[in-house]
Amino acid sequence: MYSPMLDVQTAPTSASLVQGACYDICPPVHEKHEAEFNPLHMNWVLVNDTTNNPRAQIRWVVEG
């Protein structure tokens, strides 16, 4: 008699497929990076408009 064998394989989950695809595109890098902190300041300056009237205007300045 013929006895068929059933081979059951689990299908990959979407999470494992995404993880595998992302790893191929951009492999993880194990380097330590430190962020720079550059203080932000606000300065007021006087500028002339089109009719030559002085107006206060904000200028943002980043030290660095």
PDB file of N, CA and C in Angstrom:
ATOM      1  N   MET A   1       0.832  -1.176   0.000  1.00  0.00           N
ATOM      2  CA  MET A   1       0.000   0.000   0.000  1.00  0.00           C
ATOM      3  C   MET A   1       0.878   1.242   0.000  1.00  0.00           C
ATOM      4  N   TYR A   2       0.275   2.254  -0.514  1.00  0.00           N
ATOM      5  CA  TYR A   2       0.946   3.557  -0.573  1.00  0.00           C
ATOM      6  C   TYR A   2       0.565   4.359   0.656  1.00  0.00           C
ATOM      7  N   SER A   3       1.574   4.891   1.352  1.00  0.00           N
ATOM      8  CA  SER A   3       1.281   5.697   2.527  1.00  0.00           C
ATOM      9  C   SER A   3       1.863   7.098   2.309  1.00  0.00           C
ATOM     10  N   PRO A   4       1.017   8.069   2.027  1.00  0.00           N
ATOM     11  CA  PRO A   4       1.511   9.429   1.774  1.00  0.00           C
ATOM     12  C   PRO A   4       2.007  10.081   3.066  1.00  0.00           C
ATOM     13  N   MET A   5       3.118  10.794   2.937  1.00  0.00           N
ATOM     14  CA  MET A   5       3.645  11.532   4.091  1.00  0.00           C
ATOM     15  C   MET A   5       3.306  13.002   3.914  1.00  0.00           C
ATOM     16  N   LEU A   6       2.932  13.577   4.965  1.00  0.00           N
ATOM     17  CA  LEU A   6       2.588  14.992   4.934  1.00  0.00           C
ATOM     18  C   LEU A   6       3.724  15.771   5.581  1.00  0.00           C
ATOM     19  N   ASP A   7       4.326  16.662   4.820  1.00  0.00           N
ATOM     20  CA  ASP A   7       5.418  17.487   5.335  1.00  0.00           C
ATOM     21  C   ASP A   7       4.879  18.890   5.551  1.00  0.00           C
ATOM     22  N   VAL A   8       4.785  19.301   6.791  1.00  0.00           N
ATOM     23  CA  VAL A   8       4.231  20.610   7.123  1.00  0.00           C
ATOM     24  C   VAL A   8       5.389  21.556   7.434  1.00  0.00           C
ATOM     25  N   GLN A   9       5.427  22.647   6.715  1.00  0.00           N
ATOM     26  CA  GLN A   9       6.429  23.670   6.976  1.00  0.00           C
ATOM     27  C   GLN A   9       5.713  24.940   7.406  1.00  0.00           C
ATOM     28  N   THR A  10       6.311  25.623   8.338  1.00  0.00           N
ATOM     29  CA  THR A  10       5.690  26.863   8.787  1.00  0.00           C
ATOM     30  C   THR A  10       6.060  27.975   7.822  1.00  0.00           C
ATOM     31  N   ALA A  11       5.088  28.771   7.507  1.00  0.00           N
ATOM     32  CA  ALA A  11       5.315  29.908   6.608  1.00  0.00           C
ATOM     33  C   ALA A  11       5.955  31.041   7.404  1.00  0.00           C
ATOM     34  N   PRO A  12       6.867  31.796   6.771  1.00  0.00           N
ATOM     35  CA  PRO A  12       7.478  32.917   7.491  1.00  0.00           C
ATOM     36  C   PRO A  12       6.441  33.997   7.793  1.00  0.00           C
ATOM     37  N   THR A  13       6.585  34.611   8.931  1.00  0.00           N
ATOM     38  CA  THR A  13       5.656  35.679   9.300  1.00  0.00           C
ATOM     39  C   THR A  13       6.050  36.959   8.586  1.00  0.00           C
ATOM     40  N   SER A  14       5.150  37.903   8.535  1.00  0.00           N
ATOM     41  CA  SER A  14       5.453  39.177   7.876  1.00  0.00           C
ATOM     42  C   SER A  14       6.560  39.920   8.611  1.00  0.00           C
ATOM     43  N   ALA A  15       6.619  39.774   9.940  1.00  0.00           N
ATOM     44  CA  ALA A  15       7.666  40.439  10.714  1.00  0.00           C
ATOM     45  C   ALA A  15       9.042  39.902  10.339  1.00  0.00           C
ATOM     46  N   SER A  16       9.150  38.576  10.164  1.00  0.00           N
ATOM     47  CA  SER A  16      10.454  38.011   9.805  1.00  0.00           C
ATOM     48  C   SER A  16      10.834  38.386   8.384  1.00  0.00           C
ATOM     49  N   LEU A  17       9.864  38.501   7.491  1.00  0.00           N
ATOM     50  CA  LEU A  17      10.154  38.912   6.112  1.00  0.00           C
ATOM     51  C   LEU A  17      10.648  40.355   6.070  1.00  0.00           C
ATOM     52  N   VAL A  18       9.991  41.219   6.820  1.00  0.00           N
ATOM     53  CA  VAL A  18      10.394  42.630   6.868  1.00  0.00           C
ATOM     54  C   VAL A  18      11.771  42.765   7.491  1.00  0.00           C
ATOM     55  N   GLN A  19      12.017  42.037   8.567  1.00  0.00           N
ATOM     56  CA  GLN A  19      13.316  42.103   9.224  1.00  0.00           C
ATOM     57  C   GLN A  19      14.418  41.634   8.280  1.00  0.00           C
ATOM     58  N   GLY A  20      14.173  40.566   7.546  1.00  0.00           N
ATOM     59  CA  GLY A  20      15.162  40.069   6.599  1.00  0.00           C
ATOM     60  C   GLY A  20      15.413  41.041   5.469  1.00  0.00           C
ATOM     61  N   ALA A  21      14.362  41.659   4.956  1.00  0.00           N
ATOM     62  CA  ALA A  21      14.515  42.625   3.869  1.00  0.00           C
ATOM     63  C   ALA A  21      15.261  43.863   4.347  1.00  0.00           C
ATOM     64  N   CYS A  22      14.943  44.349   5.531  1.00  0.00           N
ATOM     65  CA  CYS A  22      15.618  45.535   6.054  1.00  0.00           C
ATOM     66  C   CYS A  22      17.084  45.258   6.335  1.00  0.00           C
ATOM     67  N   TYR A  23      17.400  44.056   6.792  1.00  0.00           N
ATOM     68  CA  TYR A  23      18.783  43.719   7.087  1.00  0.00           C
ATOM     69  C   TYR A  23      19.614  43.704   5.805  1.00  0.00           C
ATOM     70  N   ASP A  24      19.026  43.233   4.701  1.00  0.00           N
ATOM     71  CA  ASP A  24      19.744  43.211   3.424  1.00  0.00           C
ATOM     72  C   ASP A  24      19.991  44.615   2.892  1.00  0.00           C
ATOM     73  N   ILE A  25      19.042  45.515   3.090  1.00  0.00           N
ATOM     74  CA  ILE A  25      19.162  46.873   2.567  1.00  0.00           C
ATOM     75  C   ILE A  25      20.136  47.685   3.400  1.00  0.00           C
ATOM     76  N   CYS A  26      19.987  47.644   4.702  1.00  0.00           N
ATOM     77  CA  CYS A  26      20.814  48.465   5.586  1.00  0.00           C
ATOM     78  C   CYS A  26      21.185  47.640   6.815  1.00  0.00           C
ATOM     79  N   PRO A  27      22.316  46.933   6.770  1.00  0.00           N
ATOM     80  CA  PRO A  27      22.682  46.103   7.913  1.00  0.00           C
ATOM     81  C   PRO A  27      22.943  46.956   9.154  1.00  0.00           C
ATOM     82  N   PRO A  28      22.682  46.423  10.335  1.00  0.00           N
ATOM     83  CA  PRO A  28      22.880  47.206  11.549  1.00  0.00           C
ATOM     84  C   PRO A  28      24.349  47.541  11.764  1.00  0.00           C
ATOM     85  N   VAL A  29      24.583  48.720  12.272  1.00  0.00           N
ATOM     86  CA  VAL A  29      25.934  49.181  12.567  1.00  0.00           C
ATOM     87  C   VAL A  29      26.035  49.358  14.070  1.00  0.00           C
ATOM     88  N   HIS A  30      27.027  48.767  14.643  1.00  0.00           N
ATOM     89  CA  HIS A  30      27.179  48.830  16.097  1.00  0.00           C
ATOM     90  C   HIS A  30      28.291  49.818  16.442  1.00  0.00           C
ATOM     91  N   GLU A  31      28.017  51.078  16.197  1.00  0.00           N
ATOM     92  CA  GLU A  31      28.957  52.134  16.526  1.00  0.00           C
ATOM     93  C   GLU A  31      28.276  53.091  17.488  1.00  0.00           C
ATOM     94  N   LYS A  32      29.074  53.707  18.336  1.00  0.00           N
ATOM     95  CA  LYS A  32      28.513  54.645  19.297  1.00  0.00           C
ATOM     96  C   LYS A  32      28.593  56.054  18.712  1.00  0.00           C
ATOM     97  N   HIS A  33      27.452  56.716  18.633  1.00  0.00           N
ATOM     98  CA  HIS A  33      27.396  58.078  18.116  1.00  0.00           C
ATOM     99  C   HIS A  33      26.850  59.002  19.198  1.00  0.00           C
ATOM    100  N   GLU A  34      27.463  60.130  19.333  1.00  0.00           N
ATOM    101  CA  GLU A  34      27.011  61.124  20.297  1.00  0.00           C
ATOM    102  C   GLU A  34      26.437  62.308  19.525  1.00  0.00           C
ATOM    103  N   ALA A  35      25.317  62.819  19.970  1.00  0.00           N
ATOM    104  CA  ALA A  35      24.701  63.974  19.325  1.00  0.00           C
ATOM    105  C   ALA A  35      25.361  65.251  19.822  1.00  0.00           C
ATOM    106  N   GLU A  36      25.529  66.201  18.915  1.00  0.00           N
ATOM    107  CA  GLU A  36      26.072  67.494  19.299  1.00  0.00           C
ATOM    108  C   GLU A  36      24.944  68.381  19.782  1.00  0.00           C
ATOM    109  N   PHE A  37      25.230  69.186  20.784  1.00  0.00           N
ATOM    110  CA  PHE A  37      24.247  70.131  21.281  1.00  0.00           C
ATOM    111  C   PHE A  37      24.715  71.526  20.913  1.00  0.00           C
ATOM    112  N   ASN A  38      23.967  72.185  20.037  1.00  0.00           N
ATOM    113  CA  ASN A  38      24.261  73.561  19.646  1.00  0.00           C
ATOM    114  C   ASN A  38      23.149  74.455  20.165  1.00  0.00           C
ATOM    115  N   PRO A  39      23.475  75.359  21.109  1.00  0.00           N
ATOM    116  CA  PRO A  39      22.444  76.232  21.672  1.00  0.00           C
ATOM    117  C   PRO A  39      21.807  77.126  20.601  1.00  0.00           C
ATOM    118  N   LEU A  40      20.530  77.344  20.739  1.00  0.00           N
ATOM    119  CA  LEU A  40      19.765  78.181  19.825  1.00  0.00           C
ATOM    120  C   LEU A  40      19.415  79.481  20.541  1.00  0.00           C
ATOM    121  N   HIS A  41      19.693  80.603  19.886  1.00  0.00           N
ATOM    122  CA  HIS A  41      19.405  81.915  20.467  1.00  0.00           C
ATOM    123  C   HIS A  41      18.528  82.717  19.523  1.00  0.00           C
ATOM    124  N   MET A  42      17.743  83.606  20.117  1.00  0.00           N
ATOM    125  CA  MET A  42      16.899  84.488  19.330  1.00  0.00           C
ATOM    126  C   MET A  42      17.434  85.908  19.452  1.00  0.00           C
ATOM    127  N   ASN A  43      17.662  86.554  18.328  1.00  0.00           N
ATOM    128  CA  ASN A  43      18.101  87.950  18.317  1.00  0.00           C
ATOM    129  C   ASN A  43      17.037  88.795  17.625  1.00  0.00           C
ATOM    130  N   TRP A  44      16.842  90.003  18.134  1.00  0.00           N
ATOM    131  CA  TRP A  44      15.949  90.952  17.485  1.00  0.00           C
ATOM    132  C   TRP A  44      16.802  91.916  16.673  1.00  0.00           C
ATOM    133  N   VAL A  45      16.417  92.145  15.431  1.00  0.00           N
ATOM    134  CA  VAL A  45      17.133  93.104  14.588  1.00  0.00           C
ATOM    135  C   VAL A  45      16.115  94.051  13.960  1.00  0.00           C
ATOM    136  N   LEU A  46      16.573  95.242  13.601  1.00  0.00           N
ATOM    137  CA  LEU A  46      15.711  96.199  12.901  1.00  0.00           C
ATOM    138  C   LEU A  46      15.998  96.114  11.409  1.00  0.00           C
ATOM    139  N   VAL A  47      14.943  95.933  10.637  1.00  0.00           N
ATOM    140  CA  VAL A  47      15.060  95.903   9.176  1.00  0.00           C
ATOM    141  C   VAL A  47      14.095  96.922   8.605  1.00  0.00           C
ATOM    142  N   ASN A  48      14.397  97.422   7.440  1.00  0.00           N
ATOM    143  CA  ASN A  48      13.502  98.375   6.771  1.00  0.00           C
ATOM    144  C   ASN A  48      12.585  97.624   5.830  1.00  0.00           C
ATOM    145  N   ASP A  49      11.294  97.995   5.867  1.00  0.00           N
ATOM    146  CA  ASP A  49      10.361  97.387   4.929  1.00  0.00           C
ATOM    147  C   ASP A  49      10.417  98.134   3.594  1.00  0.00           C
ATOM    148  N   THR A  50       9.498  97.850   2.702  1.00  0.00           N
ATOM    149  CA  THR A  50       9.529  98.449   1.352  1.00  0.00           C
ATOM    150  C   THR A  50       9.301  99.954   1.366  1.00  0.00           C
ATOM    151  N   THR A  51       8.681 100.457   2.438  1.00  0.00           N
ATOM    152  CA  THR A  51       8.455 101.909   2.530  1.00  0.00           C
ATOM    153  C   THR A  51       9.482 102.583   3.425  1.00  0.00           C
ATOM    154  N   ASN A  52      10.579 101.879   3.688  1.00  0.00           N
ATOM    155  CA  ASN A  52      11.703 102.377   4.471  1.00  0.00           C
ATOM    156  C   ASN A  52      11.369 102.625   5.942  1.00  0.00           C
ATOM    157  N   ASN A  53      10.365 101.931   6.456  1.00  0.00           N
ATOM    158  CA  ASN A  53      10.020 102.012   7.879  1.00  0.00           C
ATOM    159  C   ASN A  53      10.741 100.889   8.631  1.00  0.00           C
ATOM    160  N   PRO A  54      11.395 101.223   9.749  1.00  0.00           N
ATOM    161  CA  PRO A  54      12.084 100.164  10.503  1.00  0.00           C
ATOM    162  C   PRO A  54      11.084  99.249  11.207  1.00  0.00           C
ATOM    163  N   ARG A  55      11.364  97.972  11.144  1.00  0.00           N
ATOM    164  CA  ARG A  55      10.518  96.959  11.795  1.00  0.00           C
ATOM    165  C   ARG A  55      11.414  95.976  12.523  1.00  0.00           C
ATOM    166  N   ALA A  56      10.927  95.517  13.678  1.00  0.00           N
ATOM    167  CA  ALA A  56      11.665  94.513  14.435  1.00  0.00           C
ATOM    168  C   ALA A  56      11.422  93.144  13.806  1.00  0.00           C
ATOM    169  N   GLN A  57      12.486  92.381  13.723  1.00  0.00           N
ATOM    170  CA  GLN A  57      12.390  91.044  13.138  1.00  0.00           C
ATOM    171  C   GLN A  57      13.234  90.087  13.972  1.00  0.00           C
ATOM    172  N   ILE A  58      12.753  88.859  14.093  1.00  0.00           N
ATOM    173  CA  ILE A  58      13.470  87.846  14.865  1.00  0.00           C
ATOM    174  C   ILE A  58      14.454  87.123  13.952  1.00  0.00           C
ATOM    175  N   ARG A  59      15.672  86.914  14.456  1.00  0.00           N
ATOM    176  CA  ARG A  59      16.663  86.098  13.761  1.00  0.00           C
ATOM    177  C   ARG A  59      17.097  84.998  14.712  1.00  0.00           C
ATOM    178  N   TRP A  60      17.052  83.769  14.253  1.00  0.00           N
ATOM    179  CA  TRP A  60      17.489  82.636  15.061  1.00  0.00           C
ATOM    180  C   TRP A  60      18.949  82.345  14.737  1.00  0.00           C
ATOM    181  N   VAL A  61      19.743  82.192  15.777  1.00  0.00           N
ATOM    182  CA  VAL A  61      21.177  81.977  15.621  1.00  0.00           C
ATOM    183  C   VAL A  61      21.550  80.676  16.353  1.00  0.00           C
ATOM    184  N   VAL A  62      22.298  79.819  15.661  1.00  0.00           N
ATOM    185  CA  VAL A  62      22.788  78.588  16.255  1.00  0.00           C
ATOM    186  C   VAL A  62      24.287  78.709  16.428  1.00  0.00           C
ATOM    187  N   GLU A  63      24.754  78.537  17.650  1.00  0.00           N
ATOM    188  CA  GLU A  63      26.195  78.563  17.903  1.00  0.00           C
ATOM    189  C   GLU A  63      26.780  77.224  17.470  1.00  0.00           C
ATOM    190  N   GLY A  64      27.918  77.298  16.875  1.00  0.00           N
ATOM    191  CA  GLY A  64      28.516  76.023  16.504  1.00  0.00           C
ATOM    192  C   GLY A  64      29.526  76.222  15.530  1.00  0.00           C
TER     193      GLY A  64
END
